[in-house]
């Protein structure tokens, strides 16, 4: 199964250079690579056009407006003939060989949906807590959840054609699309043992701009937590830990996030009973 990857960039040239170098580090790892820049103003577009020389690069697209990650995926995935399609953001350092691992999993698991690299620090992952959600399928293990992160993931092209195009826009995320896949019966999650991608926007990454820029300046071109209006490092870390904890504990049945069950979970959270419930599950 051949793979098509679209790398989406917007400013942060120093991140982009590291991301591209890591992605192309292993010359034996084969994929079709599309480079997509969303109207950068710091030289990122020029670097992609003139500075990246690799036979795996199929096309470099310099968008005149920021159409977001979904616009890039719809365009590239709509024209490729590859059997597998994926996306990578310009602030993530993937593990070399990740596409080979994911390709084999997709070959062996027909209903595998979005399979992703894990973007969080390993020290915050607790296998004992997550183990009920780690399933074995045809010789592979998947840490299952209805949605995955929006970078460093691969899914089948036919699944994209079945689900239809992404809802486009700069502030449009990927969670709802993955959730729709889960409702349709696809298995989303992270390969296990976890295949890592280092998120350079994480303050704990040695590459993070947070080490030499004020938080707001370092984060102004980021997508992830921008919608949450996070303006300080401490809040970033706290919310990240909450997300990781919830991914390990919350159910992978998409039905639990719909209708009355979703309302019950929201009620438990508002009344602080959710934490008590999770602690009971851990014991």
Protein backbone atom coordinates (compact mmCIF):
# COMPACT_ATOMS: atom_id res chain seq x y z
CA UNK A 1 0.00 0.00 0.00
CA UNK A 2 1.49 3.32 -1.05
CA UNK A 3 1.23 6.37 1.20
CA UNK A 4 0.58 10.06 0.51
CA UNK A 5 1.55 12.56 3.23
CA UNK A 6 0.67 16.27 3.23
CA UNK A 7 2.86 18.46 5.43
CA UNK A 8 0.97 21.63 6.39
CA UNK A 9 2.91 24.73 7.46
CA UNK A 10 2.19 28.26 8.65
CA UNK A 11 5.16 30.37 9.77
CA UNK A 12 7.56 29.08 12.48
CA UNK A 13 10.32 28.40 9.96
CA UNK A 14 12.64 27.01 12.62
CA UNK A 15 10.05 24.31 13.43
CA UNK A 16 9.43 23.56 9.76
CA UNK A 17 13.10 22.90 9.04
CA UNK A 18 13.34 20.41 11.92
CA UNK A 19 10.06 18.73 10.93
CA UNK A 20 11.12 18.27 7.30
CA UNK A 21 14.59 17.02 8.25
CA UNK A 22 13.13 14.38 10.60
CA UNK A 23 10.42 13.32 8.13
CA UNK A 24 12.99 12.77 5.37
CA UNK A 25 15.68 11.35 7.67
CA UNK A 26 15.26 7.74 6.55
CA UNK A 27 15.77 7.56 2.75
CA UNK A 28 14.35 4.02 2.64
CA UNK A 29 10.96 5.16 3.98
CA UNK A 30 8.80 5.60 0.90
CA UNK A 31 5.83 7.96 0.52
CA UNK A 32 4.54 10.69 -1.75
CA UNK A 33 5.06 14.02 0.02
CA UNK A 34 3.08 17.18 -0.66
CA UNK A 35 4.32 20.38 0.98
CA UNK A 36 1.54 22.88 1.68
CA UNK A 37 2.18 26.34 3.06
CA UNK A 38 -0.68 28.46 4.39
CA UNK A 39 0.40 31.99 3.50
CA UNK A 40 3.48 32.17 5.73
CA UNK A 41 5.23 35.51 6.07
CA UNK A 42 8.55 34.40 7.57
CA UNK A 43 10.20 32.69 4.60
CA UNK A 44 8.66 29.25 5.17
CA UNK A 45 7.15 29.13 1.69
CA UNK A 46 10.44 30.05 0.03
CA UNK A 47 12.25 27.41 2.05
CA UNK A 48 9.78 24.70 1.02
CA UNK A 49 9.96 25.75 -2.63
CA UNK A 50 13.71 26.11 -2.98
CA UNK A 51 15.31 24.43 0.03
CA UNK A 52 13.71 20.98 0.17
CA UNK A 53 15.26 18.62 -2.36
CA UNK A 54 14.06 15.04 -2.12
CA UNK A 55 12.65 12.67 -4.77
CA UNK A 56 9.68 11.91 -2.53
CA UNK A 57 8.37 15.49 -2.84
CA UNK A 58 5.58 15.39 -5.43
CA UNK A 59 4.41 19.01 -5.25
CA UNK A 60 4.88 22.20 -3.23
CA UNK A 61 1.75 24.34 -2.90
CA UNK A 62 2.04 27.93 -1.64
CA UNK A 63 -1.48 29.01 -0.73
CA UNK A 64 -2.17 32.73 -0.90
CA UNK A 65 -4.50 32.46 2.10
CA UNK A 66 -4.58 30.41 5.27
CA UNK A 67 -7.08 27.68 4.41
CA UNK A 68 -6.13 25.62 7.46
CA UNK A 69 -5.20 21.99 7.63
CA UNK A 70 -8.53 20.74 6.30
CA UNK A 71 -8.30 22.73 3.08
CA UNK A 72 -4.87 21.27 2.43
CA UNK A 73 -6.03 17.72 3.11
CA UNK A 74 -9.09 18.01 0.88
CA UNK A 75 -6.99 19.28 -2.02
CA UNK A 76 -4.14 16.78 -1.76
CA UNK A 77 -6.18 13.75 -0.80
CA UNK A 78 -8.67 14.59 -3.52
CA UNK A 79 -6.04 14.25 -6.25
CA UNK A 80 -3.74 11.47 -4.99
CA UNK A 81 -4.09 7.87 -6.14
CA UNK A 82 -2.35 6.52 -3.03
CA UNK A 83 -4.11 3.84 -0.98
CA UNK A 84 -3.20 5.49 2.32
CA UNK A 85 -3.28 9.21 3.16
CA UNK A 86 -1.88 11.12 6.11
CA UNK A 87 -1.09 14.55 7.45
CA UNK A 88 1.71 16.08 9.47
CA UNK A 89 1.95 19.54 11.06
CA UNK A 90 5.15 21.56 10.95
CA UNK A 91 5.69 21.37 14.72
CA UNK A 92 5.97 17.59 15.11
CA UNK A 93 9.05 15.36 14.93
CA UNK A 94 7.92 11.89 13.91
CA UNK A 95 9.66 8.61 14.67
CA UNK A 96 11.56 7.44 11.56
CA UNK A 97 9.85 4.39 10.07
CA UNK A 98 6.39 5.36 11.30
CA UNK A 99 4.79 5.06 7.85
CA UNK A 100 6.05 1.46 7.48
CA UNK A 101 4.54 0.47 10.84
CA UNK A 102 1.21 2.12 10.06
CA UNK A 103 1.09 0.73 6.52
CA UNK A 104 1.42 -2.84 7.79
CA UNK A 105 -1.29 -2.25 10.38
CA UNK A 106 -3.64 -0.89 7.71
CA UNK A 107 -2.90 -3.91 5.52
CA UNK A 108 -3.79 -6.28 8.33
CA UNK A 109 -6.80 -4.46 9.84
CA UNK A 110 -9.57 -3.70 7.36
CA UNK A 111 -11.62 -1.43 9.67
CA UNK A 112 -8.64 0.54 10.95
CA UNK A 113 -9.45 4.25 10.75
CA UNK A 114 -7.11 7.01 11.88
CA UNK A 115 -3.87 5.56 13.24
CA UNK A 116 -1.65 8.18 14.85
CA UNK A 117 1.70 8.88 16.48
CA UNK A 118 1.47 9.79 20.18
CA UNK A 119 2.25 13.52 20.69
CA UNK A 120 2.55 13.74 24.47
CA UNK A 121 5.44 13.09 26.92
CA UNK A 122 5.76 9.38 27.70
CA UNK A 123 6.27 10.09 31.39
CA UNK A 124 2.62 11.14 31.55
CA UNK A 125 1.30 7.93 29.98
CA UNK A 126 0.21 5.24 32.45
CA UNK A 127 -0.11 1.82 30.84
CA UNK A 128 -1.91 0.42 33.88
CA UNK A 129 -4.70 2.97 33.49
CA UNK A 130 -4.84 2.76 29.69
CA UNK A 131 -4.65 -1.04 29.42
CA UNK A 132 -8.45 -1.64 29.17
CA UNK A 133 -8.43 0.43 25.97
CA UNK A 134 -5.46 -1.38 24.36
CA UNK A 135 -6.82 -4.02 22.00
CA UNK A 136 -5.09 -6.68 19.88
CA UNK A 137 -6.07 -7.05 16.22
CA UNK A 138 -4.37 -9.34 13.69
CA UNK A 139 -0.96 -9.15 15.32
CA UNK A 140 -1.11 -5.44 16.17
CA UNK A 141 -2.05 -3.53 19.30
CA UNK A 142 -4.09 -0.32 19.16
CA UNK A 143 -4.68 2.11 22.02
CA UNK A 144 -8.22 2.84 20.96
CA UNK A 145 -10.21 6.08 21.18
CA UNK A 146 -13.00 7.61 19.04
CA UNK A 147 -10.63 10.35 17.84
CA UNK A 148 -6.89 10.88 17.57
CA UNK A 149 -4.59 13.89 17.31
CA UNK A 150 -4.63 15.82 14.03
CA UNK A 151 -0.95 15.38 13.16
CA UNK A 152 1.15 12.33 12.34
CA UNK A 153 -1.80 10.12 11.40
CA UNK A 154 -2.62 7.87 8.45
CA UNK A 155 -5.92 6.44 7.24
CA UNK A 156 -7.13 4.57 4.17
CA UNK A 157 -7.91 6.68 1.11
CA UNK A 158 -11.14 4.75 0.57
CA UNK A 159 -12.22 5.74 4.09
CA UNK A 160 -11.72 9.41 3.21
CA UNK A 161 -13.79 8.93 0.04
CA UNK A 162 -16.52 7.22 2.07
CA UNK A 163 -16.61 9.88 4.78
CA UNK A 164 -16.36 12.78 2.31
CA UNK A 165 -14.28 15.97 2.49
CA UNK A 166 -13.33 17.74 5.71
CA UNK A 167 -15.23 20.84 6.76
CA UNK A 168 -12.83 23.56 5.69
CA UNK A 169 -11.59 26.62 7.53
CA UNK A 170 -8.63 27.82 9.52
CA UNK A 171 -10.29 27.13 12.88
CA UNK A 172 -11.78 23.79 11.88
CA UNK A 173 -10.33 20.86 13.78
CA UNK A 174 -10.18 17.14 13.08
CA UNK A 175 -11.95 15.65 16.11
CA UNK A 176 -15.48 15.62 14.68
CA UNK A 177 -14.32 13.97 11.47
CA UNK A 178 -12.58 11.17 13.37
CA UNK A 179 -15.62 10.82 15.61
CA UNK A 180 -17.81 10.39 12.51
CA UNK A 181 -15.47 7.61 11.41
CA UNK A 182 -15.79 5.91 14.80
CA UNK A 183 -19.59 6.08 14.62
CA UNK A 184 -19.36 4.44 11.19
CA UNK A 185 -17.49 1.52 12.76
CA UNK A 186 -13.85 2.43 12.13
CA UNK A 187 -11.22 1.83 14.81
CA UNK A 188 -9.25 4.96 15.61
CA UNK A 189 -6.31 5.21 17.97
CA UNK A 190 -2.57 5.17 18.54
CA UNK A 191 -0.32 2.29 17.60
CA UNK A 192 0.96 0.40 20.65
CA UNK A 193 3.69 0.34 21.87
CA UNK A 194 3.28 4.02 21.24
CA UNK A 195 5.00 5.45 18.17
CA UNK A 196 6.05 8.93 19.23
CA UNK A 197 6.00 12.32 17.61
CA UNK A 198 7.60 15.12 19.61
CA UNK A 199 5.33 18.15 19.69
CA UNK A 200 7.72 21.09 19.57
CA UNK A 201 5.03 23.46 20.82
CA UNK A 202 5.03 21.55 24.10
CA UNK A 203 6.98 23.63 26.66
CA UNK A 204 8.77 20.45 27.72
CA UNK A 205 10.23 19.93 24.25
CA UNK A 206 13.85 21.08 24.02
CA UNK A 207 12.98 22.62 20.66
CA UNK A 208 10.09 24.72 21.96
CA UNK A 209 10.08 28.44 21.23
CA UNK A 210 8.78 28.89 24.77
CA UNK A 211 12.36 28.62 25.98
CA UNK A 212 13.37 31.92 24.40
CA UNK A 213 10.11 33.80 23.64
CA UNK A 214 7.23 35.04 25.80
CA UNK A 215 4.36 32.55 25.81
CA UNK A 216 1.99 34.60 23.65
CA UNK A 217 4.68 35.35 21.08
CA UNK A 218 5.79 31.73 20.93
CA UNK A 219 2.28 30.44 20.59
CA UNK A 220 0.65 32.98 18.27
CA UNK A 221 0.95 30.79 15.15
CA UNK A 222 -0.12 27.56 16.83
CA UNK A 223 -3.42 25.85 16.21
CA UNK A 224 -3.96 23.30 19.00
CA UNK A 225 -4.89 25.16 22.14
CA UNK A 226 -5.41 28.51 20.47
CA UNK A 227 -9.17 28.14 20.53
CA UNK A 228 -9.01 27.70 24.31
CA UNK A 229 -7.38 31.10 24.72
CA UNK A 230 -4.51 29.73 26.78
CA UNK A 231 -2.12 32.55 27.57
CA UNK A 232 0.27 31.01 30.09
CA UNK A 233 2.51 27.98 30.30
CA UNK A 234 1.03 26.65 33.55
CA UNK A 235 -2.47 26.47 32.10
CA UNK A 236 -1.14 24.79 28.96
CA UNK A 237 0.51 22.05 31.03
CA UNK A 238 -2.56 21.55 33.22
CA UNK A 239 -4.96 21.17 30.30
CA UNK A 240 -2.55 18.87 28.48
CA UNK A 241 -2.42 16.60 31.52
CA UNK A 242 -6.22 16.58 31.71
CA UNK A 243 -6.43 15.58 28.05
CA UNK A 244 -3.93 12.74 28.50
CA UNK A 245 -5.74 11.51 31.61
CA UNK A 246 -9.10 11.58 29.82
CA UNK A 247 -7.70 9.74 26.79
CA UNK A 248 -6.47 6.96 29.06
CA UNK A 249 -9.68 6.68 31.11
CA UNK A 250 -12.64 7.63 28.96
CA UNK A 251 -14.45 4.94 26.92
CA UNK A 252 -13.72 4.22 23.27
CA UNK A 253 -17.38 3.47 22.45
CA UNK A 254 -18.51 6.55 20.42
CA UNK A 255 -22.02 6.05 21.73
CA UNK A 256 -20.82 7.23 25.14
CA UNK A 257 -20.29 10.70 23.68
CA UNK A 258 -23.79 11.02 22.22
CA UNK A 259 -27.28 11.60 23.59
CA UNK A 260 -28.12 11.00 27.25
CA UNK A 261 -24.79 9.33 28.03
CA UNK A 262 -22.89 12.43 26.91
CA UNK A 263 -25.17 14.60 29.06
CA UNK A 264 -24.57 12.32 32.05
CA UNK A 265 -20.80 12.61 31.64
CA UNK A 266 -21.07 16.40 31.47
CA UNK A 267 -23.21 16.42 34.62
CA UNK A 268 -20.70 14.26 36.48
CA UNK A 269 -17.93 16.64 35.53
CA UNK A 270 -19.83 19.73 36.61
CA UNK A 271 -20.62 18.18 39.99
CA UNK A 272 -17.01 16.94 40.49
CA UNK A 273 -18.27 13.37 40.58
CA UNK A 274 -16.34 12.51 37.41
CA UNK A 275 -12.99 12.62 39.21
CA UNK A 276 -14.35 10.41 41.96
CA UNK A 277 -15.71 7.98 39.38
CA UNK A 278 -12.34 7.80 37.61
CA UNK A 279 -10.48 7.25 40.88
CA UNK A 280 -12.81 4.35 41.64
CA UNK A 281 -11.99 2.85 38.23
CA UNK A 282 -8.27 3.15 38.87
CA UNK A 283 -8.46 1.23 42.18
